Amino acid sequence: MAKDLFCDECGELIQGDVYYIGKTKPALVLHNPIFCSDECVLDYLQVDSFPVEDFDE
């Protein structure tokens, strides 16, 4: 039986798919955390989105 895995963002027990960041620079810096959803990945990385017309660099 596999060990219990917990999301590094929300702390919930992962019961479905495990989301992780592949072998990229952010993954190496973050020590390969795991997540329960794509939303938790985006929250962990503090990724925001705006409509293109509202985005001002």
PDB file of N, CA and C in Angstrom:
ATOM      1  N   MET A   1       0.841  -1.185   0.000  1.00  0.00           N
ATOM      2  CA  MET A   1       0.000   0.000   0.000  1.00  0.00           C
ATOM      3  C   MET A   1       0.884   1.246   0.000  1.00  0.00           C
ATOM      4  N   ALA A   2       0.520   2.204  -0.799  1.00  0.00           N
ATOM      5  CA  ALA A   2       1.292   3.444  -0.890  1.00  0.00           C
ATOM      6  C   ALA A   2       1.119   4.271   0.382  1.00  0.00           C
ATOM      7  N   LYS A   3       2.134   5.048   0.688  1.00  0.00           N
ATOM      8  CA  LYS A   3       2.036   5.913   1.863  1.00  0.00           C
ATOM      9  C   LYS A   3       1.097   7.078   1.560  1.00  0.00           C
ATOM     10  N   ASP A   4       0.548   7.674   2.609  1.00  0.00           N
ATOM     11  CA  ASP A   4      -0.322   8.831   2.443  1.00  0.00           C
ATOM     12  C   ASP A   4       0.497  10.021   1.972  1.00  0.00           C
ATOM     13  N   LEU A   5      -0.037  10.744   0.995  1.00  0.00           N
ATOM     14  CA  LEU A   5       0.601  11.945   0.484  1.00  0.00           C
ATOM     15  C   LEU A   5      -0.311  13.131   0.757  1.00  0.00           C
ATOM     16  N   PHE A   6       0.287  14.233   1.169  1.00  0.00           N
ATOM     17  CA  PHE A   6      -0.476  15.426   1.497  1.00  0.00           C
ATOM     18  C   PHE A   6      -0.040  16.585   0.613  1.00  0.00           C
ATOM     19  N   CYS A   7      -1.004  17.408   0.221  1.00  0.00           N
ATOM     20  CA  CYS A   7      -0.750  18.561  -0.636  1.00  0.00           C
ATOM     21  C   CYS A   7       0.114  19.580   0.101  1.00  0.00           C
ATOM     22  N   ASP A   8       1.161  20.061  -0.556  1.00  0.00           N
ATOM     23  CA  ASP A   8       2.048  21.054   0.051  1.00  0.00           C
ATOM     24  C   ASP A   8       1.429  22.455   0.096  1.00  0.00           C
ATOM     25  N   GLU A   9       0.281  22.642  -0.537  1.00  0.00           N
ATOM     26  CA  GLU A   9      -0.398  23.946  -0.475  1.00  0.00           C
ATOM     27  C   GLU A   9      -1.521  23.934   0.557  1.00  0.00           C
ATOM     28  N   CYS A  10      -2.483  23.040   0.407  1.00  0.00           N
ATOM     29  CA  CYS A  10      -3.653  23.059   1.294  1.00  0.00           C
ATOM     30  C   CYS A  10      -3.560  22.053   2.442  1.00  0.00           C
ATOM     31  N   GLY A  11      -2.649  21.107   2.345  1.00  0.00           N
ATOM     32  CA  GLY A  11      -2.469  20.126   3.410  1.00  0.00           C
ATOM     33  C   GLY A  11      -3.415  18.942   3.377  1.00  0.00           C
ATOM     34  N   GLU A  12      -4.320  18.905   2.397  1.00  0.00           N
ATOM     35  CA  GLU A  12      -5.288  17.809   2.302  1.00  0.00           C
ATOM     36  C   GLU A  12      -4.614  16.520   1.827  1.00  0.00           C
ATOM     37  N   LEU A  13      -5.163  15.403   2.266  1.00  0.00           N
ATOM     38  CA  LEU A  13      -4.725  14.092   1.805  1.00  0.00           C
ATOM     39  C   LEU A  13      -5.007  13.992   0.305  1.00  0.00           C
ATOM     40  N   ILE A  14      -4.028  13.602  -0.482  1.00  0.00           N
ATOM     41  CA  ILE A  14      -4.206  13.464  -1.926  1.00  0.00           C
ATOM     42  C   ILE A  14      -4.822  12.108  -2.197  1.00  0.00           C
ATOM     43  N   GLN A  15      -6.022  12.121  -2.803  1.00  0.00           N
ATOM     44  CA  GLN A  15      -6.742  10.880  -3.045  1.00  0.00           C
ATOM     45  C   GLN A  15      -6.880  10.568  -4.524  1.00  0.00           C
ATOM     46  N   GLY A  16      -6.616  11.538  -5.378  1.00  0.00           N
ATOM     47  CA  GLY A  16      -6.716  11.318  -6.815  1.00  0.00           C
ATOM     48  C   GLY A  16      -5.337  11.417  -7.434  1.00  0.00           C
ATOM     49  N   ASP A  17      -5.245  12.204  -8.466  1.00  0.00           N
ATOM     50  CA  ASP A  17      -3.956  12.409  -9.126  1.00  0.00           C
ATOM     51  C   ASP A  17      -3.038  13.271  -8.270  1.00  0.00           C
ATOM     52  N   VAL A  18      -1.750  13.017  -8.394  1.00  0.00           N
ATOM     53  CA  VAL A  18      -0.730  13.846  -7.741  1.00  0.00           C
ATOM     54  C   VAL A  18      -0.199  14.812  -8.789  1.00  0.00           C
ATOM     55  N   TYR A  19      -0.239  16.099  -8.481  1.00  0.00           N
ATOM     56  CA  TYR A  19       0.300  17.123  -9.366  1.00  0.00           C
ATOM     57  C   TYR A  19       1.668  17.541  -8.842  1.00  0.00           C
ATOM     58  N   TYR A  20       2.601  17.734  -9.736  1.00  0.00           N
ATOM     59  CA  TYR A  20       3.935  18.167  -9.335  1.00  0.00           C
ATOM     60  C   TYR A  20       4.539  18.973 -10.473  1.00  0.00           C
ATOM     61  N   ILE A  21       5.594  19.700 -10.160  1.00  0.00           N
ATOM     62  CA  ILE A  21       6.299  20.497 -11.158  1.00  0.00           C
ATOM     63  C   ILE A  21       7.431  19.635 -11.683  1.00  0.00           C
ATOM     64  N   GLY A  22       7.517  19.485 -12.994  1.00  0.00           N
ATOM     65  CA  GLY A  22       8.539  18.632 -13.592  1.00  0.00           C
ATOM     66  C   GLY A  22       9.948  19.116 -13.312  1.00  0.00           C
ATOM     67  N   LYS A  23      10.902  18.530 -13.980  1.00  0.00           N
ATOM     68  CA  LYS A  23      12.316  18.846 -13.750  1.00  0.00           C
ATOM     69  C   LYS A  23      12.664  20.195 -14.364  1.00  0.00           C
ATOM     70  N   THR A  24      12.222  21.246 -13.689  1.00  0.00           N
ATOM     71  CA  THR A  24      12.462  22.617 -14.141  1.00  0.00           C
ATOM     72  C   THR A  24      13.173  23.386 -13.041  1.00  0.00           C
ATOM     73  N   LYS A  25      13.603  24.571 -13.346  1.00  0.00           N
ATOM     74  CA  LYS A  25      14.271  25.402 -12.339  1.00  0.00           C
ATOM     75  C   LYS A  25      13.410  25.628 -11.104  1.00  0.00           C
ATOM     76  N   PRO A  26      12.103  25.978 -11.259  1.00  0.00           N
ATOM     77  CA  PRO A  26      11.293  26.154 -10.046  1.00  0.00           C
ATOM     78  C   PRO A  26      11.206  24.885  -9.201  1.00  0.00           C
ATOM     79  N   ALA A  27      11.127  23.729  -9.832  1.00  0.00           N
ATOM     80  CA  ALA A  27      11.040  22.479  -9.075  1.00  0.00           C
ATOM     81  C   ALA A  27      12.292  22.253  -8.247  1.00  0.00           C
ATOM     82  N   LEU A  28      13.439  22.559  -8.799  1.00  0.00           N
ATOM     83  CA  LEU A  28      14.681  22.360  -8.064  1.00  0.00           C
ATOM     84  C   LEU A  28      14.771  23.306  -6.873  1.00  0.00           C
ATOM     85  N   VAL A  29      14.327  24.527  -7.045  1.00  0.00           N
ATOM     86  CA  VAL A  29      14.354  25.502  -5.951  1.00  0.00           C
ATOM     87  C   VAL A  29      13.345  25.135  -4.871  1.00  0.00           C
ATOM     88  N   LEU A  30      12.199  24.616  -5.287  1.00  0.00           N
ATOM     89  CA  LEU A  30      11.121  24.305  -4.348  1.00  0.00           C
ATOM     90  C   LEU A  30      11.200  22.893  -3.776  1.00  0.00           C
ATOM     91  N   HIS A  31      12.221  22.135  -4.119  1.00  0.00           N
ATOM     92  CA  HIS A  31      12.416  20.770  -3.617  1.00  0.00           C
ATOM     93  C   HIS A  31      11.259  19.845  -3.976  1.00  0.00           C
ATOM     94  N   ASN A  32      10.715  20.011  -5.199  1.00  0.00           N
ATOM     95  CA  ASN A  32       9.703  19.119  -5.768  1.00  0.00           C
ATOM     96  C   ASN A  32       8.474  18.889  -4.882  1.00  0.00           C
ATOM     97  N   PRO A  33       7.760  19.950  -4.538  1.00  0.00           N
ATOM     98  CA  PRO A  33       6.533  19.758  -3.755  1.00  0.00           C
ATOM     99  C   PRO A  33       5.463  19.046  -4.578  1.00  0.00           C
ATOM    100  N   ILE A  34       4.477  18.484  -3.903  1.00  0.00           N
ATOM    101  CA  ILE A  34       3.377  17.794  -4.577  1.00  0.00           C
ATOM    102  C   ILE A  34       2.056  18.475  -4.196  1.00  0.00           C
ATOM    103  N   PHE A  35       1.062  18.312  -5.078  1.00  0.00           N
ATOM    104  CA  PHE A  35      -0.199  19.008  -4.903  1.00  0.00           C
ATOM    105  C   PHE A  35      -1.367  18.107  -5.250  1.00  0.00           C
ATOM    106  N   CYS A  36      -2.562  18.487  -4.760  1.00  0.00           N
ATOM    107  CA  CYS A  36      -3.771  17.710  -5.017  1.00  0.00           C
ATOM    108  C   CYS A  36      -4.536  18.205  -6.240  1.00  0.00           C
ATOM    109  N   SER A  37      -4.211  19.395  -6.750  1.00  0.00           N
ATOM    110  CA  SER A  37      -4.943  19.943  -7.894  1.00  0.00           C
ATOM    111  C   SER A  37      -4.103  20.996  -8.603  1.00  0.00           C
ATOM    112  N   ASP A  38      -4.502  21.316  -9.836  1.00  0.00           N
ATOM    113  CA  ASP A  38      -3.797  22.377 -10.545  1.00  0.00           C
ATOM    114  C   ASP A  38      -4.020  23.727  -9.867  1.00  0.00           C
ATOM    115  N   GLU A  39      -5.175  23.906  -9.211  1.00  0.00           N
ATOM    116  CA  GLU A  39      -5.421  25.153  -8.483  1.00  0.00           C
ATOM    117  C   GLU A  39      -4.414  25.339  -7.350  1.00  0.00           C
ATOM    118  N   CYS A  40      -4.092  24.256  -6.651  1.00  0.00           N
ATOM    119  CA  CYS A  40      -3.111  24.358  -5.561  1.00  0.00           C
ATOM    120  C   CYS A  40      -1.716  24.658  -6.101  1.00  0.00           C
ATOM    121  N   VAL A  41      -1.367  24.119  -7.260  1.00  0.00           N
ATOM    122  CA  VAL A  41      -0.075  24.434  -7.880  1.00  0.00           C
ATOM    123  C   VAL A  41      -0.007  25.924  -8.157  1.00  0.00           C
ATOM    124  N   LEU A  42      -1.055  26.469  -8.772  1.00  0.00           N
ATOM    125  CA  LEU A  42      -1.072  27.891  -9.108  1.00  0.00           C
ATOM    126  C   LEU A  42      -1.067  28.767  -7.856  1.00  0.00           C
ATOM    127  N   ASP A  43      -1.795  28.377  -6.823  1.00  0.00           N
ATOM    128  CA  ASP A  43      -1.783  29.130  -5.566  1.00  0.00           C
ATOM    129  C   ASP A  43      -0.399  29.099  -4.931  1.00  0.00           C
ATOM    130  N   TYR A  44       0.230  27.933  -4.915  1.00  0.00           N
ATOM    131  CA  TYR A  44       1.556  27.777  -4.320  1.00  0.00           C
ATOM    132  C   TYR A  44       2.586  28.669  -5.010  1.00  0.00           C
ATOM    133  N   LEU A  45       2.479  28.740  -6.337  1.00  0.00           N
ATOM    134  CA  LEU A  45       3.407  29.566  -7.118  1.00  0.00           C
ATOM    135  C   LEU A  45       2.955  31.020  -7.214  1.00  0.00           C
ATOM    136  N   GLN A  46       1.827  31.352  -6.622  1.00  0.00           N
ATOM    137  CA  GLN A  46       1.238  32.685  -6.638  1.00  0.00           C
ATOM    138  C   GLN A  46       1.051  33.192  -8.070  1.00  0.00           C
ATOM    139  N   VAL A  47       0.441  32.337  -8.899  1.00  0.00           N
ATOM    140  CA  VAL A  47       0.162  32.673 -10.286  1.00  0.00           C
ATOM    141  C   VAL A  47      -1.216  33.326 -10.351  1.00  0.00           C
ATOM    142  N   ASP A  48      -1.271  34.522 -10.933  1.00  0.00           N
ATOM    143  CA  ASP A  48      -2.529  35.242 -11.103  1.00  0.00           C
ATOM    144  C   ASP A  48      -2.846  35.353 -12.582  1.00  0.00           C
ATOM    145  N   SER A  49      -4.085  35.674 -12.885  1.00  0.00           N
ATOM    146  CA  SER A  49      -4.474  35.896 -14.274  1.00  0.00           C
ATOM    147  C   SER A  49      -5.376  37.119 -14.368  1.00  0.00           C
ATOM    148  N   PHE A  50      -5.307  37.790 -15.507  1.00  0.00           N
ATOM    149  CA  PHE A  50      -6.132  38.946 -15.822  1.00  0.00           C
ATOM    150  C   PHE A  50      -6.579  38.829 -17.264  1.00  0.00           C
ATOM    151  N   PRO A  51      -7.731  39.414 -17.598  1.00  0.00           N
ATOM    152  CA  PRO A  51      -8.086  39.498 -19.015  1.00  0.00           C
ATOM    153  C   PRO A  51      -7.019  40.311 -19.743  1.00  0.00           C
ATOM    154  N   VAL A  52      -6.733  39.951 -20.955  1.00  0.00           N
ATOM    155  CA  VAL A  52      -5.650  40.591 -21.704  1.00  0.00           C
ATOM    156  C   VAL A  52      -5.824  42.103 -21.775  1.00  0.00           C
ATOM    157  N   GLU A  53      -7.072  42.567 -21.882  1.00  0.00           N
ATOM    158  CA  GLU A  53      -7.285  44.009 -21.984  1.00  0.00           C
ATOM    159  C   GLU A  53      -6.992  44.750 -20.672  1.00  0.00           C
ATOM    160  N   ASP A  54      -6.980  44.018 -19.549  1.00  0.00           N
ATOM    161  CA  ASP A  54      -6.677  44.632 -18.252  1.00  0.00           C
ATOM    162  C   ASP A  54      -5.221  44.486 -17.843  1.00  0.00           C
ATOM    163  N   PHE A  55      -4.461  43.733 -18.623  1.00  0.00           N
ATOM    164  CA  PHE A  55      -3.073  43.463 -18.253  1.00  0.00           C
ATOM    165  C   PHE A  55      -2.164  44.579 -18.737  1.00  0.00           C
ATOM    166  N   ASP A  56      -1.430  45.175 -17.815  1.00  0.00           N
ATOM    167  CA  ASP A  56      -0.492  46.252 -18.139  1.00  0.00           C
ATOM    168  C   ASP A  56       0.844  45.906 -17.532  1.00  0.00           C
ATOM    169  N   GLU A  57       1.822  45.628 -18.381  1.00  0.00           N
ATOM    170  CA  GLU A  57       3.140  45.247 -17.869  1.00  0.00           C
ATOM    171  C   GLU A  57       3.741  46.380 -17.164  1.00  0.00           C
TER     172      GLU A  57
END
